[in-house]
C-alpha atoms as a PDB file:
ATOM      1  CA  MET A   1       0.000   0.000   0.000  1.00  0.00           C
ATOM      2  CA  THR A   2       1.013   3.616  -0.373  1.00  0.00           C
ATOM      3  CA  ALA A   3       2.984   5.192   2.474  1.00  0.00           C
ATOM      4  CA  HIS A   4       0.330   7.737   3.376  1.00  0.00           C
ATOM      5  CA  VAL A   5      -3.377   7.715   2.574  1.00  0.00           C
ATOM      6  CA  PRO A   6      -5.415  10.783   3.560  1.00  0.00           C
ATOM      7  CA  ASN A   7      -8.410  10.240   5.825  1.00  0.00           C
ATOM      8  CA  TYR A   8     -11.047  11.262   3.321  1.00  0.00           C
ATOM      9  CA  GLU A   9     -13.953  10.699   5.698  1.00  0.00           C
ATOM     10  CA  LEU A  10     -12.439  13.116   8.203  1.00  0.00           C
ATOM     11  CA  ARG A  11     -11.960  15.601   5.381  1.00  0.00           C
ATOM     12  CA  CYS A  12     -15.620  15.187   4.408  1.00  0.00           C
ATOM     13  CA  ARG A  13     -16.762  15.882   7.967  1.00  0.00           C
ATOM     14  CA  LEU A  14     -14.535  18.941   8.292  1.00  0.00           C
ATOM     15  CA  LEU A  15     -15.671  20.356   4.962  1.00  0.00           C
ATOM     16  CA  THR A  16     -19.333  19.757   5.786  1.00  0.00           C
ATOM     17  CA  GLY A  17     -18.899  21.454   9.156  1.00  0.00           C
ATOM     18  CA  GLY A  18     -17.143  24.387   7.518  1.00  0.00           C
ATOM     19  CA  MET A  19     -19.894  24.820   4.937  1.00  0.00           C
ATOM     20  CA  LEU A  20     -22.558  24.751   7.649  1.00  0.00           C
ATOM     21  CA  ALA A  21     -20.634  27.390   9.587  1.00  0.00           C
ATOM     22  CA  VAL A  22     -20.465  29.593   6.495  1.00  0.00           C
ATOM     23  CA  ALA A  23     -24.206  29.155   5.931  1.00  0.00           C
ATOM     24  CA  ILE A  24     -24.936  30.090   9.546  1.00  0.00           C
ATOM     25  CA  VAL A  25     -22.794  33.225   9.264  1.00  0.00           C
ATOM     26  CA  ALA A  26     -24.588  34.178   6.059  1.00  0.00           C
ATOM     27  CA  ALA A  27     -27.984  33.715   7.727  1.00  0.00           C
ATOM     28  CA  TRP A  28     -26.835  35.795  10.723  1.00  0.00           C
ATOM     29  CA  LEU A  29     -25.695  38.632   8.488  1.00  0.00           C
ATOM     30  CA  CYS A  30     -29.097  38.669   6.831  1.00  0.00           C
ATOM     31  CA  MET A  31     -30.888  38.727  10.176  1.00  0.00           C
ATOM     32  CA  VAL A  32     -28.703  41.496  11.602  1.00  0.00           C
ATOM     33  CA  GLY A  33     -29.722  43.690   8.730  1.00  0.00           C
ATOM     34  CA  PHE A  34     -26.444  45.261   7.688  1.00  0.00           C
ATOM     35  CA  TRP A  35     -27.770  45.362   4.173  1.00  0.00           C
ATOM     36  CA  ALA A  36     -25.168  47.759   2.851  1.00  0.00           C
ATOM     37  CA  VAL A  37     -22.307  45.396   3.597  1.00  0.00           C
ATOM     38  CA  GLY A  38     -23.622  42.363   5.427  1.00  0.00           C
ATOM     39  CA  GLY A  39     -26.329  41.633   2.887  1.00  0.00           C
ATOM     40  CA  CYS A  40     -23.894  41.602  -0.014  1.00  0.00           C
ATOM     41  CA  VAL A  41     -21.464  39.423   1.909  1.00  0.00           C
ATOM     42  CA  ALA A  42     -24.301  37.060   2.842  1.00  0.00           C
ATOM     43  CA  ILE A  43     -25.354  36.704  -0.783  1.00  0.00           C
ATOM     44  CA  LEU A  44     -21.779  35.959  -1.850  1.00  0.00           C
ATOM     45  CA  LEU A  45     -21.405  33.370   0.901  1.00  0.00           C
ATOM     46  CA  ILE A  46     -24.667  31.665  -0.028  1.00  0.00           C
ATOM     47  CA  VAL A  47     -23.682  31.552  -3.695  1.00  0.00           C
ATOM     48  CA  ALA A  48     -20.306  30.082  -2.721  1.00  0.00           C
ATOM     49  CA  VAL A  49     -21.931  27.411  -0.530  1.00  0.00           C
ATOM     50  CA  ILE A  50     -24.382  26.413  -3.274  1.00  0.00           C
ATOM     51  CA  GLY A  51     -21.678  26.366  -5.928  1.00  0.00           C
ATOM     52  CA  ILE A  52     -19.213  24.246  -3.959  1.00  0.00           C
ATOM     53  CA  SER A  53     -21.826  21.807  -2.642  1.00  0.00           C
ATOM     54  CA  SER A  54     -23.205  21.269  -6.162  1.00  0.00           C
ATOM     55  CA  GLN A  55     -19.766  20.323  -7.488  1.00  0.00           C
ATOM     56  CA  TRP A  56     -18.489  18.281  -4.538  1.00  0.00           C
ATOM     57  CA  ALA A  57     -20.545  15.592  -2.832  1.00  0.00           C
ATOM     58  CA  PHE A  58     -18.655  15.545   0.491  1.00  0.00           C
ATOM     59  CA  TRP A  59     -21.849  16.502   2.367  1.00  0.00           C
ATOM     60  CA  ARG A  60     -23.753  13.412   1.248  1.00  0.00           C
ATOM     61  CA  PRO A  61     -23.797  10.272   3.420  1.00  0.00           C
ATOM     62  CA  ARG A  62     -21.873   7.290   2.169  1.00  0.00           C
ATOM     63  CA  ILE A  63     -23.829   4.798   0.100  1.00  0.00           C
ATOM     64  CA  SER A  64     -24.157   1.639   2.143  1.00  0.00           C
ATOM     65  CA  GLY A  65     -26.632  -1.133   2.788  1.00  0.00           C
ATOM     66  CA  GLY A  66     -26.840  -4.708   1.533  1.00  0.00           C
ATOM     67  CA  ARG A  67     -26.062  -3.912  -2.097  1.00  0.00           C
ATOM     68  CA  PRO A  68     -22.419  -3.668  -3.163  1.00  0.00           C
ATOM     69  CA  ARG A  69     -20.966  -0.504  -4.635  1.00  0.00           C
ATOM     70  CA  ILE A  70     -20.042  -1.576  -8.170  1.00  0.00           C
ATOM     71  CA  LEU A  71     -17.423   0.555  -9.929  1.00  0.00           C
ATOM     72  CA  MET A  72     -17.030   0.527 -13.704  1.00  0.00           C
ATOM     73  CA  LEU A  73     -13.586   0.682 -15.322  1.00  0.00           C
ATOM     74  CA  HIS A  74     -12.001  -0.624 -18.507  1.00  0.00           C
ATOM     75  CA  SER A  75      -8.325  -0.150 -19.344  1.00  0.00           C
ATOM     76  CA  VAL A  76      -5.514   0.569 -16.859  1.00  0.00           C
ATOM     77  CA  ASN A  77      -3.022   2.530 -18.896  1.00  0.00           C
ATOM     78  CA  GLU A  78      -1.130   5.788 -19.117  1.00  0.00           C
ATOM     79  CA  ARG A  79      -2.407   6.233 -22.666  1.00  0.00           C
ATOM     80  CA  ILE A  80      -6.047   6.502 -23.716  1.00  0.00           C
ATOM     81  CA  MET A  81      -7.011   3.241 -25.369  1.00  0.00           C
ATOM     82  CA  GLU A  82     -10.276   4.476 -26.906  1.00  0.00           C
ATOM     83  CA  PRO A  83     -10.125   8.133 -28.043  1.00  0.00           C
ATOM     84  CA  ILE A  84     -13.927   8.289 -28.342  1.00  0.00           C
ATOM     85  CA  ALA A  85     -14.225   7.237 -24.693  1.00  0.00           C
ATOM     86  CA  PRO A  86     -11.238   8.725 -22.796  1.00  0.00           C
ATOM     87  CA  ASN A  87     -12.728   7.881 -19.397  1.00  0.00           C
ATOM     88  CA  ASN A  88     -12.387   4.192 -20.252  1.00  0.00           C
ATOM     89  CA  SER A  89      -8.647   4.339 -19.487  1.00  0.00           C
ATOM     90  CA  ILE A  90      -7.643   5.049 -15.908  1.00  0.00           C
ATOM     91  CA  ARG A  91      -3.981   5.602 -15.064  1.00  0.00           C
ATOM     92  CA  PRO A  92      -2.330   2.972 -12.842  1.00  0.00           C
ATOM     93  CA  ALA A  93      -1.508   5.571 -10.165  1.00  0.00           C
ATOM     94  CA  GLU A  94      -5.132   6.722 -10.137  1.00  0.00           C
ATOM     95  CA  LEU A  95      -6.358   3.177  -9.589  1.00  0.00           C
ATOM     96  CA  GLU A  96      -3.837   2.647  -6.797  1.00  0.00           C
ATOM     97  CA  SER A  97      -5.003   5.837  -5.111  1.00  0.00           C
ATOM     98  CA  LEU A  98      -8.652   4.816  -5.403  1.00  0.00           C
ATOM     99  CA  ILE A  99      -8.038   1.386  -3.879  1.00  0.00           C
ATOM    100  CA  ALA A 100      -5.900   2.781  -1.068  1.00  0.00           C
ATOM    101  CA  GLY A 101      -8.474   5.440  -0.176  1.00  0.00           C
ATOM    102  CA  LEU A 102     -11.331   2.943  -0.050  1.00  0.00           C
ATOM    103  CA  LEU A 103      -9.347   0.463   2.034  1.00  0.00           C
ATOM    104  CA  CYS A 104      -8.398   3.219   4.462  1.00  0.00           C
ATOM    105  CA  ALA A 105     -12.090   4.130   4.820  1.00  0.00           C
ATOM    106  CA  GLY A 106     -13.023   0.562   5.767  1.00  0.00           C
ATOM    107  CA  TYR A 107     -14.372  -0.745   2.465  1.00  0.00           C
ATOM    108  CA  VAL A 108     -14.107  -4.438   1.596  1.00  0.00           C
ATOM    109  CA  PHE A 109     -13.355  -5.537  -1.973  1.00  0.00           C
ATOM    110  CA  ARG A 110     -15.032  -8.587  -3.483  1.00  0.00           C
ATOM    111  CA  THR A 111     -15.729 -10.027  -6.896  1.00  0.00           C
ATOM    112  CA  LEU A 112     -19.242  -9.464  -8.213  1.00  0.00           C
ATOM    113  CA  ARG A 113     -20.205 -13.082  -7.596  1.00  0.00           C
ATOM    114  CA  ASP A 114     -18.927 -13.049  -4.004  1.00  0.00           C
ATOM    115  CA  ALA A 115     -20.461  -9.645  -3.290  1.00  0.00           C
ATOM    116  CA  MET A 116     -23.897 -10.844  -4.373  1.00  0.00           C
ATOM    117  CA  GLU A 117     -23.614 -14.148  -2.542  1.00  0.00           C
ATOM    118  CA  GLN A 118     -22.039 -12.654   0.603  1.00  0.00           C
ATOM    119  CA  PRO A 119     -23.713  -9.242   1.039  1.00  0.00           C
ATOM    120  CA  GLY A 120     -22.408  -6.774   3.575  1.00  0.00           C
ATOM    121  CA  ARG A 121     -21.969  -3.097   4.345  1.00  0.00           C
ATOM    122  CA  ARG A 122     -19.411  -1.057   2.445  1.00  0.00           C
ATOM    123  CA  VAL A 123     -18.592  -3.730  -0.088  1.00  0.00           C
ATOM    124  CA  VAL A 124     -16.895  -2.523  -3.288  1.00  0.00           C
ATOM    125  CA  VAL A 125     -16.669  -4.402  -6.579  1.00  0.00           C
ATOM    126  CA  LEU A 126     -14.084  -3.354  -9.151  1.00  0.00           C
ATOM    127  CA  THR A 127     -15.272  -4.303 -12.640  1.00  0.00           C
ATOM    128  CA  PHE A 128     -13.306  -3.968 -15.883  1.00  0.00           C
ATOM    129  CA  ASP A 129     -14.962  -4.299 -19.293  1.00  0.00           C
ATOM    130  CA  ASP A 130     -13.764  -5.532 -22.698  1.00  0.00           C
ATOM    131  CA  GLY A 131     -10.681  -7.563 -21.758  1.00  0.00           C
ATOM    132  CA  PHE A 132      -7.834  -5.165 -22.490  1.00  0.00           C
ATOM    133  CA  GLU A 133      -4.348  -6.667 -22.329  1.00  0.00           C
ATOM    134  CA  ASP A 134      -3.315  -4.178 -19.655  1.00  0.00           C
ATOM    135  CA  ASN A 135      -5.752  -5.927 -17.312  1.00  0.00           C
ATOM    136  CA  PHE A 136      -2.988  -8.549 -17.155  1.00  0.00           C
ATOM    137  CA  THR A 137       0.124  -6.386 -17.445  1.00  0.00           C
ATOM    138  CA  GLN A 138      -0.986  -3.414 -15.323  1.00  0.00           C
ATOM    139  CA  LEU A 139      -4.094  -4.326 -13.324  1.00  0.00           C
ATOM    140  CA  LEU A 140      -3.085  -7.725 -11.947  1.00  0.00           C
ATOM    141  CA  PRO A 141       0.134  -6.460 -10.279  1.00  0.00           C
ATOM    142  CA  ILE A 142      -1.864  -3.688  -8.579  1.00  0.00           C
ATOM    143  CA  LEU A 143      -4.470  -6.151  -7.306  1.00  0.00           C
ATOM    144  CA  LYS A 144      -1.712  -8.410  -5.978  1.00  0.00           C
ATOM    145  CA  ARG A 145      -0.014  -5.493  -4.231  1.00  0.00           C
ATOM    146  CA  PHE A 146      -3.195  -4.504  -2.408  1.00  0.00           C
ATOM    147  CA  GLU A 147      -4.548  -8.057  -2.163  1.00  0.00           C
ATOM    148  CA  VAL A 148      -7.958  -7.101  -3.547  1.00  0.00           C
ATOM    149  CA  PRO A 149     -10.056  -8.963  -6.143  1.00  0.00           C
ATOM    150  CA  ALA A 150     -11.851  -7.733  -9.272  1.00  0.00           C
ATOM    151  CA  THR A 151     -14.263  -8.937 -11.953  1.00  0.00           C
ATOM    152  CA  LEU A 152     -13.304  -8.794 -15.641  1.00  0.00           C
ATOM    153  CA  PHE A 153     -15.948  -8.891 -18.366  1.00  0.00           C
ATOM    154  CA  VAL A 154     -14.225 -10.348 -21.424  1.00  0.00           C
ATOM    155  CA  THR A 155     -15.249 -10.683 -25.061  1.00  0.00           C
ATOM    156  CA  ASP A 156     -13.830 -13.135 -27.599  1.00  0.00           C
ATOM    157  CA  ARG A 157     -11.688 -10.421 -29.172  1.00  0.00           C
ATOM    158  CA  ARG A 158      -7.976 -11.323 -29.138  1.00  0.00           C
ATOM    159  CA  GLY A 159      -4.829  -9.829 -30.582  1.00  0.00           C
ATOM    160  CA  GLU A 160      -3.295  -6.380 -30.187  1.00  0.00           C
ATOM    161  CA  ASP A 161      -4.402  -4.595 -26.982  1.00  0.00           C
ATOM    162  CA  PHE A 162      -6.669  -7.479 -25.921  1.00  0.00           C
ATOM    163  CA  LEU A 163      -6.099 -10.423 -23.606  1.00  0.00           C
ATOM    164  CA  SER A 164      -4.778 -13.669 -25.039  1.00  0.00           C
ATOM    165  CA  ASP A 165      -6.128 -17.071 -24.060  1.00  0.00           C
ATOM    166  CA  ASP A 166      -3.078 -17.742 -21.885  1.00  0.00           C
ATOM    167  CA  GLN A 167      -3.466 -14.405 -20.110  1.00  0.00           C
ATOM    168  CA  ILE A 168      -7.105 -15.185 -19.348  1.00  0.00           C
ATOM    169  CA  ARG A 169      -6.038 -18.535 -17.895  1.00  0.00           C
ATOM    170  CA  ASN A 170      -3.393 -16.864 -15.734  1.00  0.00           C
ATOM    171  CA  LEU A 171      -5.785 -14.183 -14.525  1.00  0.00           C
ATOM    172  CA  ALA A 172      -8.314 -16.803 -13.472  1.00  0.00           C
ATOM    173  CA  ALA A 173      -5.575 -18.850 -11.776  1.00  0.00           C
ATOM    174  CA  SER A 174      -4.416 -15.836  -9.729  1.00  0.00           C
ATOM    175  CA  GLY A 175      -7.234 -16.278  -7.228  1.00  0.00           C
ATOM    176  CA  LEU A 176      -8.064 -12.564  -7.460  1.00  0.00           C
ATOM    177  CA  ILE A 177     -10.044 -12.454 -10.702  1.00  0.00           C
ATOM    178  CA  GLU A 178     -13.583 -13.474 -11.543  1.00  0.00           C
ATOM    179  CA  ILE A 179     -14.069 -13.827 -15.295  1.00  0.00           C
ATOM    180  CA  GLY A 180     -17.426 -12.618 -16.606  1.00  0.00           C
ATOM    181  CA  GLY A 181     -19.091 -12.565 -20.011  1.00  0.00           C
ATOM    182  CA  HIS A 182     -19.365  -9.638 -22.410  1.00  0.00           C
ATOM    183  CA  THR A 183     -20.544 -11.331 -25.681  1.00  0.00           C
ATOM    184  CA  VAL A 184     -18.418 -12.713 -28.518  1.00  0.00           C
ATOM    185  CA  SER A 185     -17.940  -9.440 -30.408  1.00  0.00           C
ATOM    186  CA  HIS A 186     -18.986  -6.688 -27.974  1.00  0.00           C
ATOM    187  CA  ALA A 187     -22.293  -6.491 -29.808  1.00  0.00           C
ATOM    188  CA  SER A 188     -25.157  -4.195 -28.842  1.00  0.00           C
ATOM    189  CA  LEU A 189     -27.785  -6.730 -27.831  1.00  0.00           C
ATOM    190  CA  THR A 190     -30.741  -4.650 -28.965  1.00  0.00           C
ATOM    191  CA  GLU A 191     -29.465  -4.769 -32.566  1.00  0.00           C
ATOM    192  CA  LEU A 192     -29.270  -8.572 -32.753  1.00  0.00           C
ATOM    193  CA  ASP A 193     -31.861 -11.032 -34.002  1.00  0.00           C
ATOM    194  CA  GLU A 194     -32.861 -13.861 -31.667  1.00  0.00           C
ATOM    195  CA  GLN A 195     -30.495 -16.459 -33.090  1.00  0.00           C
ATOM    196  CA  THR A 196     -27.469 -14.151 -33.112  1.00  0.00           C
ATOM    197  CA  LEU A 197     -28.266 -12.953 -29.600  1.00  0.00           C
ATOM    198  CA  VAL A 198     -28.208 -16.494 -28.208  1.00  0.00           C
ATOM    199  CA  ARG A 199     -24.986 -17.274 -30.086  1.00  0.00           C
ATOM    200  CA  GLU A 200     -23.205 -14.121 -28.881  1.00  0.00           C
ATOM    201  CA  LEU A 201     -24.133 -14.883 -25.275  1.00  0.00           C
ATOM    202  CA  GLY A 202     -23.732 -18.647 -25.245  1.00  0.00           C
ATOM    203  CA  GLU A 203     -20.508 -19.014 -27.218  1.00  0.00           C
ATOM    204  CA  ASN A 204     -18.769 -16.307 -25.210  1.00  0.00           C
ATOM    205  CA  ARG A 205     -19.775 -17.923 -21.912  1.00  0.00           C
ATOM    206  CA  ALA A 206     -18.661 -21.369 -23.080  1.00  0.00           C
ATOM    207  CA  THR A 207     -15.273 -20.047 -24.241  1.00  0.00           C
ATOM    208  CA  LEU A 208     -14.629 -18.218 -20.986  1.00  0.00           C
ATOM    209  CA  GLN A 209     -15.603 -21.212 -18.872  1.00  0.00           C
ATOM    210  CA  ARG A 210     -13.194 -23.387 -20.850  1.00  0.00           C
ATOM    211  CA  LEU A 211     -10.316 -20.914 -20.517  1.00  0.00           C
ATOM    212  CA  SER A 212     -10.849 -19.894 -16.904  1.00  0.00           C
ATOM    213  CA  GLY A 213     -11.977 -23.154 -15.382  1.00  0.00           C
ATOM    214  CA  GLN A 214     -14.624 -21.100 -13.576  1.00  0.00           C
ATOM    215  CA  LYS A 215     -18.385 -21.288 -13.750  1.00  0.00           C
ATOM    216  CA  VAL A 216     -19.078 -17.947 -15.443  1.00  0.00           C
ATOM    217  CA  VAL A 217     -22.133 -16.408 -13.768  1.00  0.00           C
ATOM    218  CA  SER A 218     -21.591 -12.646 -14.204  1.00  0.00           C
ATOM    219  CA  PHE A 219     -22.239 -10.542 -17.299  1.00  0.00           C
ATOM    220  CA  ALA A 220     -21.949  -6.928 -18.451  1.00  0.00           C
ATOM    221  CA  TYR A 221     -24.267  -5.537 -21.122  1.00  0.00           C
ATOM    222  CA  PRO A 222     -22.023  -4.113 -23.904  1.00  0.00           C
ATOM    223  CA  ARG A 223     -22.408  -0.333 -24.058  1.00  0.00           C
ATOM    224  CA  GLY A 224     -25.255  -0.689 -21.566  1.00  0.00           C
ATOM    225  CA  PHE A 225     -27.762  -1.343 -24.372  1.00  0.00           C
ATOM    226  CA  TYR A 226     -30.397  -3.987 -23.700  1.00  0.00           C
ATOM    227  CA  GLY A 227     -34.133  -4.550 -23.372  1.00  0.00           C
ATOM    228  CA  GLU A 228     -36.383  -7.013 -21.588  1.00  0.00           C
ATOM    229  CA  ARG A 229     -35.814  -9.643 -24.297  1.00  0.00           C
ATOM    230  CA  ASP A 230     -32.066  -9.335 -23.869  1.00  0.00           C
ATOM    231  CA  ARG A 231     -32.218  -9.447 -20.088  1.00  0.00           C
ATOM    232  CA  ASN A 232     -34.249 -12.669 -20.280  1.00  0.00           C
ATOM    233  CA  ALA A 233     -31.821 -14.171 -22.806  1.00  0.00           C
ATOM    234  CA  VAL A 234     -28.894 -13.433 -20.475  1.00  0.00           C
ATOM    235  CA  GLU A 235     -30.695 -15.294 -17.710  1.00  0.00           C
ATOM    236  CA  ALA A 236     -31.630 -18.216 -19.985  1.00  0.00           C
ATOM    237  CA  VAL A 237     -28.009 -18.716 -21.040  1.00  0.00           C
ATOM    238  CA  GLY A 238     -27.036 -19.247 -17.397  1.00  0.00           C
ATOM    239  CA  TYR A 239     -25.929 -15.916 -15.987  1.00  0.00           C
ATOM    240  CA  ARG A 240     -27.061 -15.029 -12.462  1.00  0.00           C
ATOM    241  CA  TYR A 241     -25.778 -11.460 -12.227  1.00  0.00           C
ATOM    242  CA  ALA A 242     -25.520  -8.677 -14.812  1.00  0.00           C
ATOM    243  CA  VAL A 243     -24.363  -5.081 -14.613  1.00  0.00           C
ATOM    244  CA  THR A 244     -25.435  -2.090 -16.642  1.00  0.00           C
ATOM    245  CA  THR A 245     -24.812   1.620 -17.038  1.00  0.00           C
ATOM    246  CA  LYS A 246     -28.505   2.460 -16.610  1.00  0.00           C
ATOM    247  CA  LYS A 247     -29.448   4.394 -13.479  1.00  0.00           C
ATOM    248  CA  ARG A 248     -33.208   3.945 -13.143  1.00  0.00           C
ATOM    249  CA  LEU A 249     -33.599   0.240 -12.532  1.00  0.00           C
ATOM    250  CA  PRO A 250     -36.157  -2.052 -10.901  1.00  0.00           C
ATOM    251  CA  PRO A 251     -35.040  -2.860  -7.344  1.00  0.00           C
ATOM    252  CA  GLY A 252     -33.977  -6.357  -6.499  1.00  0.00           C
ATOM    253  CA  ASP A 253     -33.185  -7.560 -10.035  1.00  0.00           C
ATOM    254  CA  CYS A 254     -29.768  -9.233  -9.960  1.00  0.00           C
ATOM    255  CA  LEU A 255     -29.629  -9.073 -13.759  1.00  0.00           C
ATOM    256  CA  GLN A 256     -29.879  -5.274 -13.739  1.00  0.00           C
ATOM    257  CA  LEU A 257     -27.258  -4.006 -11.306  1.00  0.00           C
ATOM    258  CA  PRO A 258     -26.155  -0.346 -11.553  1.00  0.00           C
ATOM    259  CA  ARG A 259     -22.525   0.725 -11.757  1.00  0.00           C
ATOM    260  CA  GLN A 260     -20.665   3.976 -11.233  1.00  0.00           C
ATOM    261  CA  ILE A 261     -17.936   4.873 -13.713  1.00  0.00           C
ATOM    262  CA  ILE A 262     -14.688   6.264 -12.285  1.00  0.00           C
ATOM    263  CA  PRO A 263     -13.430   8.863 -14.781  1.00  0.00           C
ATOM    264  CA  ARG A 264      -9.840   9.478 -15.743  1.00  0.00           C
ATOM    265  CA  GLY A 265      -7.810  12.429 -14.535  1.00  0.00           C
ATOM    266  CA  LEU A 266      -9.560  13.211 -11.241  1.00  0.00           C
ATOM    267  CA  THR A 267      -7.943  14.067  -7.933  1.00  0.00           C
ATOM    268  CA  SER A 268      -7.850  11.256  -5.401  1.00  0.00           C
ATOM    269  CA  PHE A 269     -10.426  13.003  -3.240  1.00  0.00           C
ATOM    270  CA  ARG A 270     -12.887  13.465  -6.070  1.00  0.00           C
ATOM    271  CA  GLN A 271     -12.415   9.845  -7.097  1.00  0.00           C
ATOM    272  CA  TYR A 272     -13.281   8.834  -3.558  1.00  0.00           C
ATOM    273  CA  LEU A 273     -16.388  11.004  -3.470  1.00  0.00           C
ATOM    274  CA  ILE A 274     -17.716   9.578  -6.723  1.00  0.00           C
ATOM    275  CA  ALA A 275     -16.970   6.023  -5.612  1.00  0.00           C
ATOM    276  CA  THR A 276     -18.659   6.388  -2.216  1.00  0.00           C
ATOM    277  CA  ARG A 277     -21.358   9.008  -2.688  1.00  0.00           C
ATOM    278  CA  GLY A 278     -22.825   8.389  -6.087  1.00  0.00           C
ATOM    279  CA  ARG A 279     -22.877  10.477  -9.187  1.00  0.00           C
ATOM    280  CA  ALA A 280     -21.236  13.878  -9.065  1.00  0.00           C
ATOM    281  CA  LYS A 281     -20.646  16.663 -11.556  1.00  0.00           C
ATOM    282  CA  LEU A 282     -17.171  16.562 -13.037  1.00  0.00           C
END
């Protein structure tokens, strides 16, 4: 672990207390009635409080309860792997900082399967989509260093920038990685006919089970696109858990689990706030 990890929860409490104090001072200035000076100062303070609190979620309570906090990532790389989606590549140092901050705050890391089968408070699931090669070269050493697990959703794409069969085998053998499905070709499920849909789901799952030696029970909807037909097909193929990028979801459906993306290039504190307190403006 890193030599020093800031206590982000203490920082949140101090910032919240400071903002409340500023709000109280602003209200007092209004009540006193020094409108020439005090009123203007009060207005500026109120605007500052609203502006800061709308951009930073430190005042919100931590998300907890029986459901795990599922974080969505893709590549772990200094360079941006997909120019059209720059937030899909987090830098290794940023990932290390995120893990260290969450561990320091008392969060427990589990794979998606274990998190759903062993629910608890403040459980975090790191998920990585698409099967980039750096999940082996960059991600695995970080997970070993911190001794935390993750779930990888892998397609059948191989070759440059993507995991090889041997790398998938080694990831599964590490004891830290759950391998999950992501279709054969990263296809948008809503665009597929029934026969192609079943093939994309079934063949990918069969391949991953053969390579990993695991029973593959977790799935990620490519690009987050799916409908009721697709959700039912995922279940019929044999998946028990599935994650999506949608936010408004029916409660209690294990095949429609929400995730929070962790964008690239944020400060460690802002990363922590997004990971623990939900969506925030960037």
